[in-house]
Amino acid sequence: MTNKKYSEEQLIELIKYPLLTDKTTKLIEENQYSFAVSKKANKSLIKMAIEYIFQVKVKNINTSNQPDKKRRVGKFIGRKSSYKKAIVTLHDGNTINLFPEN
């Protein structure tokens, strides 16, 4: 772990939102969850944030930087911003409830 102390707000701001696609919902069955995280976050910070926010035990983290993508609307060309993706594997018996019951 890192020696620097991080506040609760800084840990919460590292995790932006969960990524919910067909592929990531299949990974949930294998106890793996995907999140978009801050570009500056490293694996140890992501582990601290996930364990603090969801009260679970993290086994492994894989990260990747997603590239920019061009998007076109009519004659206008723009860019879809890039982000960092983290795939978090949890220990057996730990789960994250991404779909809360109302």
PDB file of N, CA and C in Angstrom:
ATOM      1  N   MET A   1       0.830  -1.192   0.000  1.00  0.00           N
ATOM      2  CA  MET A   1       0.000   0.000   0.000  1.00  0.00           C
ATOM      3  C   MET A   1       0.867   1.247   0.000  1.00  0.00           C
ATOM      4  N   THR A   2       0.255   2.361  -0.235  1.00  0.00           N
ATOM      5  CA  THR A   2       0.976   3.614  -0.214  1.00  0.00           C
ATOM      6  C   THR A   2       1.007   4.177   1.192  1.00  0.00           C
ATOM      7  N   ASN A   3       2.019   4.982   1.481  1.00  0.00           N
ATOM      8  CA  ASN A   3       2.159   5.563   2.805  1.00  0.00           C
ATOM      9  C   ASN A   3       1.306   6.803   2.975  1.00  0.00           C
ATOM     10  N   LYS A   4       0.953   7.446   1.891  1.00  0.00           N
ATOM     11  CA  LYS A   4       0.189   8.681   1.955  1.00  0.00           C
ATOM     12  C   LYS A   4      -1.258   8.398   2.368  1.00  0.00           C
ATOM     13  N   LYS A   5      -1.778   9.217   3.255  1.00  0.00           N
ATOM     14  CA  LYS A   5      -3.161   9.069   3.698  1.00  0.00           C
ATOM     15  C   LYS A   5      -4.084   9.775   2.708  1.00  0.00           C
ATOM     16  N   TYR A   6      -5.192   9.147   2.410  1.00  0.00           N
ATOM     17  CA  TYR A   6      -6.178   9.722   1.509  1.00  0.00           C
ATOM     18  C   TYR A   6      -7.476   9.911   2.262  1.00  0.00           C
ATOM     19  N   SER A   7      -8.134  11.027   2.007  1.00  0.00           N
ATOM     20  CA  SER A   7      -9.404  11.289   2.675  1.00  0.00           C
ATOM     21  C   SER A   7     -10.505  10.452   2.027  1.00  0.00           C
ATOM     22  N   GLU A   8     -11.622  10.352   2.721  1.00  0.00           N
ATOM     23  CA  GLU A   8     -12.750   9.587   2.208  1.00  0.00           C
ATOM     24  C   GLU A   8     -13.265  10.181   0.908  1.00  0.00           C
ATOM     25  N   GLU A   9     -13.276  11.509   0.810  1.00  0.00           N
ATOM     26  CA  GLU A   9     -13.761  12.170  -0.412  1.00  0.00           C
ATOM     27  C   GLU A   9     -12.867  11.849  -1.599  1.00  0.00           C
ATOM     28  N   GLN A  10     -11.548  11.816  -1.380  1.00  0.00           N
ATOM     29  CA  GLN A  10     -10.637  11.509  -2.475  1.00  0.00           C
ATOM     30  C   GLN A  10     -10.821  10.074  -2.958  1.00  0.00           C
ATOM     31  N   LEU A  11     -11.061   9.145  -2.027  1.00  0.00           N
ATOM     32  CA  LEU A  11     -11.267   7.756  -2.431  1.00  0.00           C
ATOM     33  C   LEU A  11     -12.570   7.595  -3.203  1.00  0.00           C
ATOM     34  N   ILE A  12     -13.614   8.307  -2.770  1.00  0.00           N
ATOM     35  CA  ILE A  12     -14.904   8.216  -3.451  1.00  0.00           C
ATOM     36  C   ILE A  12     -14.824   8.812  -4.857  1.00  0.00           C
ATOM     37  N   GLU A  13     -14.055   9.885  -5.026  1.00  0.00           N
ATOM     38  CA  GLU A  13     -13.945  10.542  -6.334  1.00  0.00           C
ATOM     39  C   GLU A  13     -13.136   9.730  -7.336  1.00  0.00           C
ATOM     40  N   LEU A  14     -12.344   8.762  -6.882  1.00  0.00           N
ATOM     41  CA  LEU A  14     -11.559   7.934  -7.807  1.00  0.00           C
ATOM     42  C   LEU A  14     -12.446   7.056  -8.677  1.00  0.00           C
ATOM     43  N   ILE A  15     -13.522   6.520  -8.090  1.00  0.00           N
ATOM     44  CA  ILE A  15     -14.436   5.632  -8.823  1.00  0.00           C
ATOM     45  C   ILE A  15     -15.542   6.480  -9.423  1.00  0.00           C
ATOM     46  N   LYS A  16     -15.621   6.528 -10.763  1.00  0.00           N
ATOM     47  CA  LYS A  16     -16.613   7.385 -11.417  1.00  0.00           C
ATOM     48  C   LYS A  16     -17.974   6.703 -11.519  1.00  0.00           C
ATOM     49  N   TYR A  17     -18.030   5.556 -12.186  1.00  0.00           N
ATOM     50  CA  TYR A  17     -19.298   4.850 -12.374  1.00  0.00           C
ATOM     51  C   TYR A  17     -19.015   3.409 -12.805  1.00  0.00           C
ATOM     52  N   PRO A  18     -19.964   2.492 -12.558  1.00  0.00           N
ATOM     53  CA  PRO A  18     -19.783   1.119 -13.039  1.00  0.00           C
ATOM     54  C   PRO A  18     -20.058   1.029 -14.534  1.00  0.00           C
ATOM     55  N   LEU A  19     -19.339   0.162 -15.206  1.00  0.00           N
ATOM     56  CA  LEU A  19     -19.542  -0.068 -16.633  1.00  0.00           C
ATOM     57  C   LEU A  19     -20.471  -1.263 -16.793  1.00  0.00           C
ATOM     58  N   LEU A  20     -21.614  -1.044 -17.419  1.00  0.00           N
ATOM     59  CA  LEU A  20     -22.615  -2.098 -17.591  1.00  0.00           C
ATOM     60  C   LEU A  20     -22.834  -2.349 -19.075  1.00  0.00           C
ATOM     61  N   THR A  21     -22.200  -3.391 -19.584  1.00  0.00           N
ATOM     62  CA  THR A  21     -22.371  -3.830 -20.960  1.00  0.00           C
ATOM     63  C   THR A  21     -22.678  -5.324 -20.924  1.00  0.00           C
ATOM     64  N   ASP A  22     -22.891  -5.921 -22.075  1.00  0.00           N
ATOM     65  CA  ASP A  22     -23.148  -7.357 -22.131  1.00  0.00           C
ATOM     66  C   ASP A  22     -21.960  -8.141 -21.579  1.00  0.00           C
ATOM     67  N   LYS A  23     -20.754  -7.727 -21.965  1.00  0.00           N
ATOM     68  CA  LYS A  23     -19.560  -8.440 -21.525  1.00  0.00           C
ATOM     69  C   LYS A  23     -19.338  -8.289 -20.021  1.00  0.00           C
ATOM     70  N   THR A  24     -19.560  -7.092 -19.483  1.00  0.00           N
ATOM     71  CA  THR A  24     -19.304  -6.884 -18.058  1.00  0.00           C
ATOM     72  C   THR A  24     -20.363  -7.548 -17.180  1.00  0.00           C
ATOM     73  N   THR A  25     -21.592  -7.674 -17.676  1.00  0.00           N
ATOM     74  CA  THR A  25     -22.601  -8.380 -16.885  1.00  0.00           C
ATOM     75  C   THR A  25     -22.316  -9.882 -16.842  1.00  0.00           C
ATOM     76  N   LYS A  26     -21.673 -10.422 -17.878  1.00  0.00           N
ATOM     77  CA  LYS A  26     -21.249 -11.819 -17.837  1.00  0.00           C
ATOM     78  C   LYS A  26     -20.106 -12.006 -16.846  1.00  0.00           C
ATOM     79  N   LEU A  27     -19.251 -10.996 -16.717  1.00  0.00           N
ATOM     80  CA  LEU A  27     -18.138 -11.082 -15.769  1.00  0.00           C
ATOM     81  C   LEU A  27     -18.617 -11.060 -14.319  1.00  0.00           C
ATOM     82  N   ILE A  28     -19.796 -10.487 -14.065  1.00  0.00           N
ATOM     83  CA  ILE A  28     -20.329 -10.447 -12.700  1.00  0.00           C
ATOM     84  C   ILE A  28     -20.546 -11.864 -12.177  1.00  0.00           C
ATOM     85  N   GLU A  29     -20.889 -12.802 -13.055  1.00  0.00           N
ATOM     86  CA  GLU A  29     -21.061 -14.189 -12.647  1.00  0.00           C
ATOM     87  C   GLU A  29     -19.757 -14.796 -12.143  1.00  0.00           C
ATOM     88  N   GLU A  30     -18.616 -14.276 -12.627  1.00  0.00           N
ATOM     89  CA  GLU A  30     -17.300 -14.745 -12.192  1.00  0.00           C
ATOM     90  C   GLU A  30     -16.742 -13.890 -11.061  1.00  0.00           C
ATOM     91  N   ASN A  31     -17.596 -13.063 -10.442  1.00  0.00           N
ATOM     92  CA  ASN A  31     -17.233 -12.190  -9.329  1.00  0.00           C
ATOM     93  C   ASN A  31     -16.222 -11.118  -9.751  1.00  0.00           C
ATOM     94  N   GLN A  32     -16.377 -10.604 -10.987  1.00  0.00           N
ATOM     95  CA  GLN A  32     -15.549  -9.522 -11.494  1.00  0.00           C
ATOM     96  C   GLN A  32     -16.458  -8.355 -11.861  1.00  0.00           C
ATOM     97  N   TYR A  33     -16.057  -7.151 -11.454  1.00  0.00           N
ATOM     98  CA  TYR A  33     -16.854  -5.954 -11.681  1.00  0.00           C
ATOM     99  C   TYR A  33     -16.005  -4.926 -12.409  1.00  0.00           C
ATOM    100  N   SER A  34     -16.614  -4.181 -13.337  1.00  0.00           N
ATOM    101  CA  SER A  34     -15.899  -3.183 -14.132  1.00  0.00           C
ATOM    102  C   SER A  34     -16.345  -1.784 -13.739  1.00  0.00           C
ATOM    103  N   PHE A  35     -15.360  -0.883 -13.605  1.00  0.00           N
ATOM    104  CA  PHE A  35     -15.623   0.494 -13.230  1.00  0.00           C
ATOM    105  C   PHE A  35     -14.794   1.432 -14.093  1.00  0.00           C
ATOM    106  N   ALA A  36     -15.358   2.610 -14.384  1.00  0.00           N
ATOM    107  CA  ALA A  36     -14.579   3.696 -14.962  1.00  0.00           C
ATOM    108  C   ALA A  36     -13.977   4.456 -13.788  1.00  0.00           C
ATOM    109  N   VAL A  37     -12.667   4.665 -13.830  1.00  0.00           N
ATOM    110  CA  VAL A  37     -11.974   5.297 -12.717  1.00  0.00           C
ATOM    111  C   VAL A  37     -11.201   6.518 -13.210  1.00  0.00           C
ATOM    112  N   SER A  38     -10.681   7.278 -12.282  1.00  0.00           N
ATOM    113  CA  SER A  38      -9.892   8.456 -12.607  1.00  0.00           C
ATOM    114  C   SER A  38      -8.625   8.052 -13.354  1.00  0.00           C
ATOM    115  N   LYS A  39      -8.187   8.881 -14.283  1.00  0.00           N
ATOM    116  CA  LYS A  39      -6.985   8.589 -15.072  1.00  0.00           C
ATOM    117  C   LYS A  39      -5.736   8.520 -14.196  1.00  0.00           C
ATOM    118  N   LYS A  40      -5.738   9.240 -13.086  1.00  0.00           N
ATOM    119  CA  LYS A  40      -4.557   9.314 -12.216  1.00  0.00           C
ATOM    120  C   LYS A  40      -4.490   8.182 -11.199  1.00  0.00           C
ATOM    121  N   ALA A  41      -5.537   7.372 -11.104  1.00  0.00           N
ATOM    122  CA  ALA A  41      -5.593   6.316 -10.090  1.00  0.00           C
ATOM    123  C   ALA A  41      -4.709   5.137 -10.474  1.00  0.00           C
ATOM    124  N   ASN A  42      -3.983   4.598  -9.482  1.00  0.00           N
ATOM    125  CA  ASN A  42      -3.227   3.375  -9.703  1.00  0.00           C
ATOM    126  C   ASN A  42      -3.953   2.216  -9.017  1.00  0.00           C
ATOM    127  N   LYS A  43      -3.414   1.003  -9.152  1.00  0.00           N
ATOM    128  CA  LYS A  43      -4.125  -0.182  -8.667  1.00  0.00           C
ATOM    129  C   LYS A  43      -4.310  -0.157  -7.150  1.00  0.00           C
ATOM    130  N   SER A  44      -3.320   0.301  -6.417  1.00  0.00           N
ATOM    131  CA  SER A  44      -3.455   0.302  -4.957  1.00  0.00           C
ATOM    132  C   SER A  44      -4.507   1.305  -4.496  1.00  0.00           C
ATOM    133  N   LEU A  45      -4.598   2.455  -5.167  1.00  0.00           N
ATOM    134  CA  LEU A  45      -5.634   3.432  -4.819  1.00  0.00           C
ATOM    135  C   LEU A  45      -7.021   2.913  -5.172  1.00  0.00           C
ATOM    136  N   ILE A  46      -7.141   2.238  -6.313  1.00  0.00           N
ATOM    137  CA  ILE A  46      -8.434   1.680  -6.716  1.00  0.00           C
ATOM    138  C   ILE A  46      -8.867   0.613  -5.709  1.00  0.00           C
ATOM    139  N   LYS A  47      -7.917  -0.199  -5.257  1.00  0.00           N
ATOM    140  CA  LYS A  47      -8.232  -1.230  -4.267  1.00  0.00           C
ATOM    141  C   LYS A  47      -8.723  -0.596  -2.968  1.00  0.00           C
ATOM    142  N   MET A  48      -8.038   0.437  -2.499  1.00  0.00           N
ATOM    143  CA  MET A  48      -8.458   1.115  -1.275  1.00  0.00           C
ATOM    144  C   MET A  48      -9.851   1.705  -1.432  1.00  0.00           C
ATOM    145  N   ALA A  49     -10.132   2.306  -2.591  1.00  0.00           N
ATOM    146  CA  ALA A  49     -11.428   2.948  -2.815  1.00  0.00           C
ATOM    147  C   ALA A  49     -12.557   1.924  -2.876  1.00  0.00           C
ATOM    148  N   ILE A  50     -12.365   0.834  -3.606  1.00  0.00           N
ATOM    149  CA  ILE A  50     -13.404  -0.193  -3.722  1.00  0.00           C
ATOM    150  C   ILE A  50     -13.684  -0.825  -2.357  1.00  0.00           C
ATOM    151  N   GLU A  51     -12.629  -1.136  -1.612  1.00  0.00           N
ATOM    152  CA  GLU A  51     -12.823  -1.739  -0.293  1.00  0.00           C
ATOM    153  C   GLU A  51     -13.514  -0.773   0.661  1.00  0.00           C
ATOM    154  N   TYR A  52     -13.234   0.524   0.551  1.00  0.00           N
ATOM    155  CA  TYR A  52     -13.873   1.499   1.433  1.00  0.00           C
ATOM    156  C   TYR A  52     -15.343   1.715   1.052  1.00  0.00           C
ATOM    157  N   ILE A  53     -15.618   1.888  -0.233  1.00  0.00           N
ATOM    158  CA  ILE A  53     -16.973   2.228  -0.679  1.00  0.00           C
ATOM    159  C   ILE A  53     -17.934   1.053  -0.503  1.00  0.00           C
ATOM    160  N   PHE A  54     -17.537  -0.147  -0.929  1.00  0.00           N
ATOM    161  CA  PHE A  54     -18.448  -1.282  -0.965  1.00  0.00           C
ATOM    162  C   PHE A  54     -18.262  -2.267   0.184  1.00  0.00           C
ATOM    163  N   GLN A  55     -17.267  -2.072   1.050  1.00  0.00           N
ATOM    164  CA  GLN A  55     -17.014  -2.948   2.201  1.00  0.00           C
ATOM    165  C   GLN A  55     -16.825  -4.401   1.766  1.00  0.00           C
ATOM    166  N   VAL A  56     -15.942  -4.617   0.774  1.00  0.00           N
ATOM    167  CA  VAL A  56     -15.634  -5.955   0.269  1.00  0.00           C
ATOM    168  C   VAL A  56     -14.122  -6.157   0.295  1.00  0.00           C
ATOM    169  N   LYS A  57     -13.681  -7.388   0.034  1.00  0.00           N
ATOM    170  CA  LYS A  57     -12.268  -7.716  -0.012  1.00  0.00           C
ATOM    171  C   LYS A  57     -11.856  -7.954  -1.458  1.00  0.00           C
ATOM    172  N   VAL A  58     -10.911  -7.158  -1.968  1.00  0.00           N
ATOM    173  CA  VAL A  58     -10.477  -7.229  -3.365  1.00  0.00           C
ATOM    174  C   VAL A  58      -9.348  -8.238  -3.502  1.00  0.00           C
ATOM    175  N   LYS A  59      -9.463  -9.093  -4.524  1.00  0.00           N
ATOM    176  CA  LYS A  59      -8.448 -10.106  -4.791  1.00  0.00           C
ATOM    177  C   LYS A  59      -7.448  -9.630  -5.842  1.00  0.00           C
ATOM    178  N   ASN A  60      -7.959  -9.040  -6.941  1.00  0.00           N
ATOM    179  CA  ASN A  60      -7.091  -8.664  -8.058  1.00  0.00           C
ATOM    180  C   ASN A  60      -7.707  -7.487  -8.806  1.00  0.00           C
ATOM    181  N   ILE A  61      -6.854  -6.675  -9.445  1.00  0.00           N
ATOM    182  CA  ILE A  61      -7.324  -5.549 -10.250  1.00  0.00           C
ATOM    183  C   ILE A  61      -6.554  -5.524 -11.565  1.00  0.00           C
ATOM    184  N   ASN A  62      -7.280  -5.398 -12.668  1.00  0.00           N
ATOM    185  CA  ASN A  62      -6.689  -5.186 -13.987  1.00  0.00           C
ATOM    186  C   ASN A  62      -7.160  -3.832 -14.500  1.00  0.00           C
ATOM    187  N   THR A  63      -6.239  -3.039 -15.032  1.00  0.00           N
ATOM    188  CA  THR A  63      -6.600  -1.721 -15.533  1.00  0.00           C
ATOM    189  C   THR A  63      -6.188  -1.577 -16.991  1.00  0.00           C
ATOM    190  N   SER A  64      -6.895  -0.690 -17.700  1.00  0.00           N
ATOM    191  CA  SER A  64      -6.528  -0.361 -19.072  1.00  0.00           C
ATOM    192  C   SER A  64      -7.024   1.041 -19.396  1.00  0.00           C
ATOM    193  N   ASN A  65      -6.255   1.746 -20.197  1.00  0.00           N
ATOM    194  CA  ASN A  65      -6.638   3.074 -20.649  1.00  0.00           C
ATOM    195  C   ASN A  65      -7.354   2.939 -21.983  1.00  0.00           C
ATOM    196  N   GLN A  66      -8.603   3.381 -22.026  1.00  0.00           N
ATOM    197  CA  GLN A  66      -9.392   3.301 -23.248  1.00  0.00           C
ATOM    198  C   GLN A  66      -9.078   4.510 -24.127  1.00  0.00           C
ATOM    199  N   PRO A  67      -8.907   4.337 -25.438  1.00  0.00           N
ATOM    200  CA  PRO A  67      -8.547   5.456 -26.317  1.00  0.00           C
ATOM    201  C   PRO A  67      -9.740   6.351 -26.652  1.00  0.00           C
ATOM    202  N   ASP A  68      -9.418   7.549 -27.183  1.00  0.00           N
ATOM    203  CA  ASP A  68     -10.451   8.438 -27.701  1.00  0.00           C
ATOM    204  C   ASP A  68     -11.119   7.782 -28.903  1.00  0.00           C
ATOM    205  N   LYS A  69     -12.376   8.128 -29.129  1.00  0.00           N
ATOM    206  CA  LYS A  69     -13.089   7.614 -30.300  1.00  0.00           C
ATOM    207  C   LYS A  69     -13.715   8.783 -31.044  1.00  0.00           C
ATOM    208  N   LYS A  70     -13.659   8.736 -32.372  1.00  0.00           N
ATOM    209  CA  LYS A  70     -14.288   9.772 -33.176  1.00  0.00           C
ATOM    210  C   LYS A  70     -15.773   9.488 -33.317  1.00  0.00           C
ATOM    211  N   ARG A  71     -16.582  10.506 -33.196  1.00  0.00           N
ATOM    212  CA  ARG A  71     -18.024  10.398 -33.388  1.00  0.00           C
ATOM    213  C   ARG A  71     -18.453  11.467 -34.377  1.00  0.00           C
ATOM    214  N   ARG A  72     -19.383  11.103 -35.235  1.00  0.00           N
ATOM    215  CA  ARG A  72     -19.838  12.024 -36.263  1.00  0.00           C
ATOM    216  C   ARG A  72     -21.338  12.201 -36.159  1.00  0.00           C
ATOM    217  N   VAL A  73     -21.774  13.447 -36.148  1.00  0.00           N
ATOM    218  CA  VAL A  73     -23.194  13.788 -36.175  1.00  0.00           C
ATOM    219  C   VAL A  73     -23.381  14.728 -37.361  1.00  0.00           C
ATOM    220  N   GLY A  74     -23.913  14.193 -38.466  1.00  0.00           N
ATOM    221  CA  GLY A  74     -24.049  14.984 -39.682  1.00  0.00           C
ATOM    222  C   GLY A  74     -22.680  15.340 -40.233  1.00  0.00           C
ATOM    223  N   LYS A  75     -22.430  16.636 -40.428  1.00  0.00           N
ATOM    224  CA  LYS A  75     -21.129  17.054 -40.957  1.00  0.00           C
ATOM    225  C   LYS A  75     -20.128  17.380 -39.854  1.00  0.00           C
ATOM    226  N   PHE A  76     -20.549  17.289 -38.598  1.00  0.00           N
ATOM    227  CA  PHE A  76     -19.677  17.643 -37.484  1.00  0.00           C
ATOM    228  C   PHE A  76     -18.978  16.402 -36.935  1.00  0.00           C
ATOM    229  N   ILE A  77     -17.682  16.511 -36.750  1.00  0.00           N
ATOM    230  CA  ILE A  77     -16.884  15.418 -36.200  1.00  0.00           C
ATOM    231  C   ILE A  77     -16.411  15.832 -34.818  1.00  0.00           C
ATOM    232  N   GLY A  78     -16.639  14.961 -33.865  1.00  0.00           N
ATOM    233  CA  GLY A  78     -16.209  15.233 -32.503  1.00  0.00           C
ATOM    234  C   GLY A  78     -15.496  14.033 -31.927  1.00  0.00           C
ATOM    235  N   ARG A  79     -15.185  14.102 -30.653  1.00  0.00           N
ATOM    236  CA  ARG A  79     -14.498  13.016 -29.976  1.00  0.00           C
ATOM    237  C   ARG A  79     -15.261  12.581 -28.744  1.00  0.00           C
ATOM    238  N   LYS A  80     -15.297  11.289 -28.532  1.00  0.00           N
ATOM    239  CA  LYS A  80     -15.816  10.725 -27.291  1.00  0.00           C
ATOM    240  C   LYS A  80     -14.607  10.581 -26.377  1.00  0.00           C
ATOM    241  N   SER A  81     -14.676  11.143 -25.189  1.00  0.00           N
ATOM    242  CA  SER A  81     -13.492  11.224 -24.337  1.00  0.00           C
ATOM    243  C   SER A  81     -13.013   9.847 -23.901  1.00  0.00           C
ATOM    244  N   SER A  82     -11.724   9.772 -23.619  1.00  0.00           N
ATOM    245  CA  SER A  82     -11.134   8.527 -23.161  1.00  0.00           C
ATOM    246  C   SER A  82     -11.296   8.410 -21.644  1.00  0.00           C
ATOM    247  N   TYR A  83     -11.137   7.198 -21.126  1.00  0.00           N
ATOM    248  CA  TYR A  83     -11.262   6.955 -19.698  1.00  0.00           C
ATOM    249  C   TYR A  83     -10.402   5.755 -19.331  1.00  0.00           C
ATOM    250  N   LYS A  84     -10.222   5.545 -18.046  1.00  0.00           N
ATOM    251  CA  LYS A  84      -9.480   4.394 -17.554  1.00  0.00           C
ATOM    252  C   LYS A  84     -10.471   3.381 -17.003  1.00  0.00           C
ATOM    253  N   LYS A  85     -10.308   2.124 -17.396  1.00  0.00           N
ATOM    254  CA  LYS A  85     -11.212   1.060 -16.979  1.00  0.00           C
ATOM    255  C   LYS A  85     -10.491   0.139 -16.000  1.00  0.00           C
ATOM    256  N   ALA A  86     -11.190  -0.221 -14.923  1.00  0.00           N
ATOM    257  CA  ALA A  86     -10.638  -1.146 -13.942  1.00  0.00           C
ATOM    258  C   ALA A  86     -11.584  -2.339 -13.803  1.00  0.00           C
ATOM    259  N   ILE A  87     -11.041  -3.544 -13.937  1.00  0.00           N
ATOM    260  CA  ILE A  87     -11.800  -4.764 -13.714  1.00  0.00           C
ATOM    261  C   ILE A  87     -11.342  -5.325 -12.376  1.00  0.00           C
ATOM    262  N   VAL A  88     -12.266  -5.373 -11.421  1.00  0.00           N
ATOM    263  CA  VAL A  88     -11.958  -5.739 -10.049  1.00  0.00           C
ATOM    264  C   VAL A  88     -12.470  -7.151  -9.774  1.00  0.00           C
ATOM    265  N   THR A  89     -11.584  -8.035  -9.321  1.00  0.00           N
ATOM    266  CA  THR A  89     -11.964  -9.389  -8.926  1.00  0.00           C
ATOM    267  C   THR A  89     -12.048  -9.430  -7.410  1.00  0.00           C
ATOM    268  N   LEU A  90     -13.151  -9.950  -6.895  1.00  0.00           N
ATOM    269  CA  LEU A  90     -13.371 -10.023  -5.455  1.00  0.00           C
ATOM    270  C   LEU A  90     -13.105 -11.437  -4.934  1.00  0.00           C
ATOM    271  N   HIS A  91     -12.786 -11.525  -3.639  1.00  0.00           N
ATOM    272  CA  HIS A  91     -12.640 -12.826  -2.988  1.00  0.00           C
ATOM    273  C   HIS A  91     -14.002 -13.527  -2.947  1.00  0.00           C
ATOM    274  N   ASP A  92     -13.967 -14.853  -2.797  1.00  0.00           N
ATOM    275  CA  ASP A  92     -15.202 -15.631  -2.713  1.00  0.00           C
ATOM    276  C   ASP A  92     -16.024 -15.167  -1.512  1.00  0.00           C
ATOM    277  N   GLY A  93     -17.327 -15.094  -1.682  1.00  0.00           N
ATOM    278  CA  GLY A  93     -18.214 -14.672  -0.606  1.00  0.00           C
ATOM    279  C   GLY A  93     -18.489 -13.182  -0.593  1.00  0.00           C
ATOM    280  N   ASN A  94     -17.759 -12.395  -1.354  1.00  0.00           N
ATOM    281  CA  ASN A  94     -17.988 -10.950  -1.446  1.00  0.00           C
ATOM    282  C   ASN A  94     -18.701 -10.633  -2.749  1.00  0.00           C
ATOM    283  N   THR A  95     -19.701  -9.754  -2.672  1.00  0.00           N
ATOM    284  CA  THR A  95     -20.401  -9.313  -3.866  1.00  0.00           C
ATOM    285  C   THR A  95     -20.704  -7.824  -3.752  1.00  0.00           C
ATOM    286  N   ILE A  96     -20.887  -7.192  -4.895  1.00  0.00           N
ATOM    287  CA  ILE A  96     -21.297  -5.783  -4.961  1.00  0.00           C
ATOM    288  C   ILE A  96     -22.683  -5.756  -5.594  1.00  0.00           C
ATOM    289  N   ASN A  97     -23.634  -5.104  -4.949  1.00  0.00           N
ATOM    290  CA  ASN A  97     -24.999  -5.041  -5.453  1.00  0.00           C
ATOM    291  C   ASN A  97     -25.129  -3.805  -6.346  1.00  0.00           C
ATOM    292  N   LEU A  98     -24.983  -4.007  -7.666  1.00  0.00           N
ATOM    293  CA  LEU A  98     -25.105  -2.903  -8.631  1.00  0.00           C
ATOM    294  C   LEU A  98     -26.551  -2.614  -8.999  1.00  0.00           C
ATOM    295  N   PHE A  99     -27.438  -3.554  -8.746  1.00  0.00           N
ATOM    296  CA  PHE A  99     -28.851  -3.404  -9.088  1.00  0.00           C
ATOM    297  C   PHE A  99     -29.687  -3.468  -7.815  1.00  0.00           C
ATOM    298  N   PRO A 100     -29.795  -2.367  -7.061  1.00  0.00           N
ATOM    299  CA  PRO A 100     -30.544  -2.417  -5.796  1.00  0.00           C
ATOM    300  C   PRO A 100     -32.045  -2.589  -6.044  1.00  0.00           C
ATOM    301  N   GLU A 101     -32.670  -3.324  -5.151  1.00  0.00           N
ATOM    302  CA  GLU A 101     -34.115  -3.533  -5.215  1.00  0.00           C
ATOM    303  C   GLU A 101     -34.816  -2.352  -4.572  1.00  0.00           C
ATOM    304  N   ASN A 102     -35.895  -1.854  -5.195  1.00  0.00           N
ATOM    305  CA  ASN A 102     -36.615  -0.730  -4.634  1.00  0.00           C
ATOM    306  C   ASN A 102     -37.804  -1.160  -3.847  1.00  0.00           C
TER     307      ASN A 102
END
